[in-house]
């Protein structure tokens, strides 16, 4: 189906025209009954009430109007990415601390710690 000839006009509850913009990006969704839909336009309903929507240029199809999926999904996606980032940083810090402690436990051939803890080593006389 081509959307080049599709025209959508919207009027708010007071009868004033509402700006309709083409949908930027691509949003294709599928319902449980395997019916597919595609976002083609967007408008902002400023007030509650009945909006009149006129569609022309398409001989077959169904118009569905609803809230943005992205608006509902975005907080979950951002939260998931934040949790992943914190987990990576925490894992890296844990690895570095473990590496540092194990490096401090190594003993050189002469029996002197490879990296003394708590100051400069003193030689016995």
N, C-alpha and C. Protein backbone atom coordinates (compact mmCIF):
# COMPACT_ATOMS: atom_id res chain seq x y z
N UNK A 1 0.85 -1.18 0.00
CA UNK A 1 0.00 0.00 0.00
C UNK A 1 0.89 1.24 0.00
N UNK A 2 0.57 2.19 -0.83
CA UNK A 2 1.33 3.44 -0.90
C UNK A 2 0.66 4.48 -0.02
N UNK A 3 1.51 5.29 0.65
CA UNK A 3 0.99 6.33 1.52
C UNK A 3 1.24 7.73 0.96
N UNK A 4 1.78 7.80 -0.25
CA UNK A 4 2.10 9.10 -0.85
C UNK A 4 0.86 9.96 -1.05
N UNK A 5 -0.26 9.33 -1.37
CA UNK A 5 -1.50 10.08 -1.64
C UNK A 5 -2.39 10.22 -0.42
N UNK A 6 -1.93 9.75 0.72
CA UNK A 6 -2.74 9.77 1.94
C UNK A 6 -2.82 11.20 2.49
N UNK A 7 -4.04 11.63 2.80
CA UNK A 7 -4.26 12.94 3.40
C UNK A 7 -5.06 12.74 4.68
N UNK A 8 -4.57 13.32 5.77
CA UNK A 8 -5.25 13.22 7.07
C UNK A 8 -5.49 14.63 7.58
N UNK A 9 -6.75 14.94 7.89
CA UNK A 9 -7.12 16.23 8.46
C UNK A 9 -7.79 15.98 9.81
N UNK A 10 -7.40 16.75 10.82
CA UNK A 10 -7.93 16.57 12.17
C UNK A 10 -8.49 17.90 12.66
N UNK A 11 -9.66 17.82 13.32
CA UNK A 11 -10.26 19.00 13.96
C UNK A 11 -10.47 18.68 15.43
N UNK A 12 -10.15 19.65 16.31
CA UNK A 12 -10.30 19.44 17.75
C UNK A 12 -11.76 19.59 18.16
N UNK A 13 -12.08 19.38 19.45
CA UNK A 13 -13.48 19.46 19.89
C UNK A 13 -14.15 20.80 19.60
N UNK A 14 -13.39 21.87 19.48
CA UNK A 14 -13.96 23.19 19.19
C UNK A 14 -14.13 23.40 17.69
N UNK A 15 -13.64 22.45 16.87
CA UNK A 15 -13.75 22.57 15.42
C UNK A 15 -12.55 23.21 14.76
N UNK A 16 -11.54 23.54 15.52
CA UNK A 16 -10.33 24.16 14.97
C UNK A 16 -9.43 23.08 14.38
N UNK A 17 -8.73 23.40 13.27
CA UNK A 17 -7.82 22.41 12.69
C UNK A 17 -6.62 22.14 13.61
N UNK A 18 -6.17 20.90 13.59
CA UNK A 18 -5.02 20.47 14.39
C UNK A 18 -3.90 20.13 13.42
N UNK A 19 -2.68 20.55 13.76
CA UNK A 19 -1.53 20.23 12.91
C UNK A 19 -1.28 18.73 12.90
N UNK A 20 -1.15 18.17 11.70
CA UNK A 20 -0.82 16.76 11.52
C UNK A 20 0.53 16.72 10.81
N UNK A 21 1.47 15.98 11.38
CA UNK A 21 2.81 15.89 10.81
C UNK A 21 3.09 14.45 10.40
N UNK A 22 3.90 14.26 9.38
CA UNK A 22 4.30 12.89 9.04
C UNK A 22 5.09 12.28 10.19
N UNK A 23 4.92 10.97 10.39
CA UNK A 23 5.64 10.28 11.45
C UNK A 23 7.09 10.16 11.04
N UNK A 24 8.00 10.66 11.87
CA UNK A 24 9.44 10.54 11.58
C UNK A 24 9.93 9.22 12.11
N UNK A 25 10.69 8.53 11.31
CA UNK A 25 11.16 7.21 11.69
C UNK A 25 10.23 6.16 11.12
N UNK A 26 10.37 4.95 11.64
CA UNK A 26 9.53 3.86 11.17
C UNK A 26 9.02 3.08 12.37
N UNK A 27 7.71 2.93 12.45
CA UNK A 27 7.10 2.14 13.51
C UNK A 27 6.11 1.20 12.86
N UNK A 28 6.43 -0.08 12.91
CA UNK A 28 5.53 -1.11 12.41
C UNK A 28 5.20 -1.99 13.60
N UNK A 29 3.94 -2.24 13.82
CA UNK A 29 3.54 -3.08 14.96
C UNK A 29 2.65 -4.20 14.46
N UNK A 30 2.55 -5.23 15.30
CA UNK A 30 1.73 -6.38 14.97
C UNK A 30 0.87 -6.72 16.17
N UNK A 31 -0.41 -6.93 15.92
CA UNK A 31 -1.34 -7.27 16.99
C UNK A 31 -1.37 -8.77 17.20
N UNK A 32 -2.09 -9.20 18.22
CA UNK A 32 -2.18 -10.62 18.55
C UNK A 32 -2.77 -11.42 17.39
N UNK A 33 -3.72 -10.84 16.67
CA UNK A 33 -4.34 -11.55 15.54
C UNK A 33 -3.50 -11.46 14.25
N UNK A 34 -2.23 -11.03 14.38
CA UNK A 34 -1.25 -10.92 13.29
C UNK A 34 -1.57 -9.81 12.28
N UNK A 35 -2.46 -8.91 12.65
CA UNK A 35 -2.72 -7.73 11.82
C UNK A 35 -1.57 -6.77 12.02
N UNK A 36 -1.01 -6.26 10.93
CA UNK A 36 0.11 -5.31 11.03
C UNK A 36 -0.39 -3.89 10.83
N UNK A 37 0.30 -2.98 11.48
CA UNK A 37 0.00 -1.56 11.32
C UNK A 37 1.29 -0.78 11.19
N UNK A 38 1.17 0.42 10.66
CA UNK A 38 2.33 1.29 10.45
C UNK A 38 1.95 2.71 10.83
N UNK A 39 2.83 3.35 11.59
CA UNK A 39 2.61 4.76 11.94
C UNK A 39 2.91 5.62 10.72
N UNK A 40 1.97 6.47 10.36
CA UNK A 40 2.15 7.33 9.19
C UNK A 40 2.07 8.81 9.53
N UNK A 41 1.42 9.15 10.64
CA UNK A 41 1.26 10.56 10.99
C UNK A 41 1.12 10.69 12.49
N UNK A 42 1.29 11.92 12.96
CA UNK A 42 1.16 12.18 14.38
C UNK A 42 0.51 13.55 14.59
N UNK A 43 -0.27 13.65 15.65
CA UNK A 43 -0.80 14.95 16.05
C UNK A 43 -0.93 14.96 17.57
N UNK A 44 -0.97 16.15 18.15
CA UNK A 44 -1.03 16.31 19.59
C UNK A 44 -2.43 16.75 19.99
N UNK A 45 -3.13 15.91 20.75
CA UNK A 45 -4.47 16.25 21.25
C UNK A 45 -4.30 17.10 22.50
N UNK A 46 -4.49 18.38 22.37
CA UNK A 46 -4.24 19.32 23.47
C UNK A 46 -5.30 19.26 24.57
N UNK A 47 -6.53 18.88 24.20
CA UNK A 47 -7.59 18.84 25.22
C UNK A 47 -8.47 17.61 25.03
N UNK A 48 -9.14 17.23 26.09
CA UNK A 48 -10.02 16.07 26.03
C UNK A 48 -11.26 16.40 25.21
N UNK A 49 -11.79 15.41 24.56
CA UNK A 49 -13.00 15.60 23.78
C UNK A 49 -12.99 14.74 22.52
N UNK A 50 -13.95 14.99 21.67
CA UNK A 50 -14.09 14.23 20.44
C UNK A 50 -13.39 14.98 19.31
N UNK A 51 -12.45 14.30 18.66
CA UNK A 51 -11.71 14.85 17.53
C UNK A 51 -12.27 14.26 16.24
N UNK A 52 -12.44 15.10 15.25
CA UNK A 52 -12.91 14.64 13.94
C UNK A 52 -11.69 14.41 13.05
N UNK A 53 -11.61 13.21 12.51
CA UNK A 53 -10.47 12.84 11.65
C UNK A 53 -11.01 12.45 10.29
N UNK A 54 -10.50 13.11 9.26
CA UNK A 54 -10.88 12.80 7.88
C UNK A 54 -9.66 12.26 7.15
N UNK A 55 -9.85 11.13 6.48
CA UNK A 55 -8.77 10.49 5.75
C UNK A 55 -9.20 10.33 4.31
N UNK A 56 -8.30 10.68 3.39
CA UNK A 56 -8.60 10.49 1.97
C UNK A 56 -7.33 10.03 1.26
N UNK A 57 -7.52 9.44 0.09
CA UNK A 57 -6.37 9.01 -0.71
C UNK A 57 -6.08 7.53 -0.63
N UNK A 58 -6.76 6.82 0.26
CA UNK A 58 -6.56 5.38 0.37
C UNK A 58 -7.92 4.71 0.26
N UNK A 59 -8.03 3.72 -0.63
CA UNK A 59 -9.33 3.09 -0.84
C UNK A 59 -9.60 1.95 0.13
N UNK A 60 -8.57 1.38 0.70
CA UNK A 60 -8.76 0.25 1.59
C UNK A 60 -7.84 0.40 2.80
N UNK A 61 -8.30 -0.01 3.95
CA UNK A 61 -7.46 0.06 5.14
C UNK A 61 -8.26 0.46 6.36
N UNK A 62 -7.57 0.53 7.47
CA UNK A 62 -8.20 0.87 8.74
C UNK A 62 -7.31 1.89 9.43
N UNK A 63 -7.92 2.91 9.98
CA UNK A 63 -7.19 3.94 10.70
C UNK A 63 -7.28 3.64 12.20
N UNK A 64 -6.14 3.61 12.85
CA UNK A 64 -6.08 3.38 14.29
C UNK A 64 -5.42 4.61 14.90
N UNK A 65 -6.03 5.14 15.94
CA UNK A 65 -5.48 6.31 16.63
C UNK A 65 -5.19 5.89 18.07
N UNK A 66 -4.01 6.26 18.54
CA UNK A 66 -3.66 5.90 19.91
C UNK A 66 -2.43 6.63 20.38
N UNK A 67 -2.11 6.39 21.64
CA UNK A 67 -0.94 7.00 22.26
C UNK A 67 0.32 6.36 21.68
N UNK A 68 1.42 7.06 21.77
CA UNK A 68 2.69 6.59 21.22
C UNK A 68 3.22 5.40 22.00
N UNK A 69 3.64 4.36 21.29
CA UNK A 69 4.30 3.21 21.92
C UNK A 69 5.63 3.65 22.51
N UNK A 70 6.34 4.51 21.80
CA UNK A 70 7.66 4.95 22.25
C UNK A 70 7.58 5.65 23.60
N UNK A 71 6.55 6.41 23.82
CA UNK A 71 6.39 7.15 25.07
C UNK A 71 6.26 6.19 26.25
N UNK A 72 5.60 5.04 26.01
CA UNK A 72 5.44 4.05 27.08
C UNK A 72 6.67 3.17 27.22
N UNK A 73 7.35 2.87 26.12
CA UNK A 73 8.48 1.94 26.15
C UNK A 73 9.79 2.61 26.56
N UNK A 74 9.95 3.89 26.27
CA UNK A 74 11.22 4.57 26.49
C UNK A 74 11.73 4.50 27.94
N UNK A 75 10.91 4.74 28.96
CA UNK A 75 11.43 4.65 30.33
C UNK A 75 12.01 3.27 30.65
N UNK A 76 11.37 2.22 30.20
CA UNK A 76 11.88 0.87 30.44
C UNK A 76 13.20 0.61 29.74
N UNK A 77 13.31 1.09 28.50
CA UNK A 77 14.55 0.91 27.74
C UNK A 77 15.69 1.68 28.40
N UNK A 78 15.45 2.92 28.77
CA UNK A 78 16.48 3.73 29.40
C UNK A 78 16.89 3.14 30.75
N UNK A 79 15.91 2.66 31.53
CA UNK A 79 16.23 2.03 32.82
C UNK A 79 17.08 0.79 32.62
N UNK A 80 16.73 -0.03 31.64
CA UNK A 80 17.51 -1.23 31.35
C UNK A 80 18.94 -0.91 30.96
N UNK A 81 19.12 0.11 30.12
CA UNK A 81 20.47 0.51 29.73
C UNK A 81 21.26 1.05 30.91
N UNK A 82 20.60 1.80 31.79
CA UNK A 82 21.28 2.33 32.98
C UNK A 82 21.72 1.19 33.90
N UNK A 83 20.86 0.21 34.10
CA UNK A 83 21.22 -0.94 34.94
C UNK A 83 22.39 -1.70 34.33
N UNK A 84 22.37 -1.88 33.01
CA UNK A 84 23.48 -2.57 32.34
C UNK A 84 24.79 -1.80 32.50
N UNK A 85 24.74 -0.48 32.36
CA UNK A 85 25.95 0.34 32.49
C UNK A 85 26.50 0.27 33.92
N UNK A 86 25.63 0.36 34.91
CA UNK A 86 26.07 0.27 36.31
C UNK A 86 26.67 -1.10 36.59
N UNK A 87 26.07 -2.14 36.03
CA UNK A 87 26.59 -3.51 36.22
C UNK A 87 27.98 -3.66 35.62
N UNK A 88 28.19 -3.10 34.44
CA UNK A 88 29.51 -3.18 33.80
C UNK A 88 30.55 -2.44 34.63
N UNK A 89 30.22 -1.25 35.10
CA UNK A 89 31.16 -0.47 35.92
C UNK A 89 31.45 -1.20 37.23
N UNK A 90 30.42 -1.73 37.88
CA UNK A 90 30.63 -2.47 39.14
C UNK A 90 31.49 -3.70 38.90
N UNK A 91 31.26 -4.42 37.82
CA UNK A 91 32.08 -5.59 37.50
C UNK A 91 33.53 -5.22 37.26
N UNK A 92 33.75 -4.11 36.56
CA UNK A 92 35.11 -3.65 36.29
C UNK A 92 35.82 -3.25 37.59
N UNK A 93 35.13 -2.55 38.47
CA UNK A 93 35.71 -2.16 39.76
C UNK A 93 36.04 -3.40 40.58
N UNK A 94 35.14 -4.36 40.64
CA UNK A 94 35.38 -5.60 41.37
C UNK A 94 36.59 -6.35 40.82
N UNK A 95 36.70 -6.40 39.51
CA UNK A 95 37.84 -7.06 38.88
C UNK A 95 39.16 -6.35 39.23
N UNK A 96 39.15 -5.01 39.16
CA UNK A 96 40.36 -4.25 39.48
C UNK A 96 40.77 -4.42 40.93
N UNK A 97 39.82 -4.40 41.86
CA UNK A 97 40.13 -4.57 43.28
C UNK A 97 40.69 -5.96 43.52
N UNK A 98 40.08 -6.98 42.92
CA UNK A 98 40.58 -8.35 43.07
C UNK A 98 41.98 -8.48 42.49
N UNK A 99 42.21 -7.92 41.33
CA UNK A 99 43.53 -7.97 40.69
C UNK A 99 44.57 -7.28 41.56
N UNK A 100 44.23 -6.13 42.13
CA UNK A 100 45.15 -5.37 42.98
C UNK A 100 45.50 -6.16 44.24
N UNK A 101 44.52 -6.78 44.87
CA UNK A 101 44.78 -7.54 46.10
C UNK A 101 45.62 -8.77 45.81
N UNK A 102 45.35 -9.44 44.72
CA UNK A 102 46.13 -10.63 44.38
C UNK A 102 47.57 -10.25 44.00
N UNK A 103 47.74 -9.11 43.36
CA UNK A 103 49.08 -8.66 43.01
C UNK A 103 49.87 -8.33 44.27
N UNK A 104 49.21 -7.83 45.32
CA UNK A 104 49.86 -7.49 46.57
C UNK A 104 50.27 -8.72 47.37
N UNK A 105 49.64 -9.87 47.11
CA UNK A 105 49.96 -11.10 47.84
C UNK A 105 51.14 -11.85 47.23
N UNK A 106 51.56 -11.50 46.05
CA UNK A 106 52.67 -12.19 45.40
C UNK A 106 53.97 -11.95 46.17
N UNK A 107 54.79 -12.96 46.23
CA UNK A 107 56.07 -12.88 46.93
C UNK A 107 57.18 -13.09 45.92
N UNK A 108 58.20 -12.27 46.03
CA UNK A 108 59.32 -12.41 45.09
C UNK A 108 60.19 -13.60 45.50
N UNK A 109 61.18 -13.90 44.70
CA UNK A 109 62.07 -15.05 44.95
C UNK A 109 62.81 -14.90 46.27
N UNK A 110 63.22 -13.70 46.65
CA UNK A 110 64.01 -13.48 47.86
C UNK A 110 63.15 -13.49 49.12
N UNK A 111 61.85 -13.65 48.98
CA UNK A 111 60.98 -13.66 50.14
C UNK A 111 60.50 -12.29 50.57
N UNK A 112 60.84 -11.26 49.83
CA UNK A 112 60.38 -9.90 50.14
C UNK A 112 59.13 -9.64 49.30
N UNK A 113 58.08 -9.15 49.90
CA UNK A 113 56.87 -8.87 49.12
C UNK A 113 57.18 -7.98 47.92
N UNK A 114 56.55 -8.30 46.78
CA UNK A 114 56.81 -7.54 45.57
C UNK A 114 56.34 -6.09 45.69
N UNK A 115 55.36 -5.86 46.51
CA UNK A 115 54.90 -4.49 46.74
C UNK A 115 54.56 -4.38 48.21
N UNK A 116 55.44 -3.79 49.00
CA UNK A 116 55.20 -3.73 50.44
C UNK A 116 53.96 -2.91 50.77
N UNK A 117 53.27 -3.33 51.79
CA UNK A 117 52.10 -2.60 52.25
C UNK A 117 52.46 -1.84 53.51
N UNK A 118 52.00 -0.65 53.63
CA UNK A 118 52.19 0.11 54.86
C UNK A 118 53.53 0.80 55.00
N UNK A 119 54.17 1.12 53.91
CA UNK A 119 55.41 1.88 54.02
C UNK A 119 56.58 1.22 53.32
N UNK A 120 57.76 1.78 53.57
CA UNK A 120 59.00 1.31 52.93
C UNK A 120 59.58 0.17 53.74
N UNK A 121 60.05 -0.92 53.09
CA UNK A 121 60.64 -2.03 53.84
C UNK A 121 61.98 -1.61 54.45
N UNK A 122 62.29 -2.18 55.60
CA UNK A 122 63.56 -1.89 56.28
C UNK A 122 64.39 -3.17 56.27
N UNK A 123 65.65 -3.00 56.09
CA UNK A 123 66.55 -4.15 56.12
C UNK A 123 66.96 -4.43 57.55
N UNK A 124 67.06 -5.69 57.89
CA UNK A 124 67.49 -6.08 59.25
C UNK A 124 69.01 -6.01 59.34
N UNK A 125 69.54 -5.65 60.44
CA UNK A 125 71.00 -5.57 60.63
C UNK A 125 71.46 -6.64 61.56
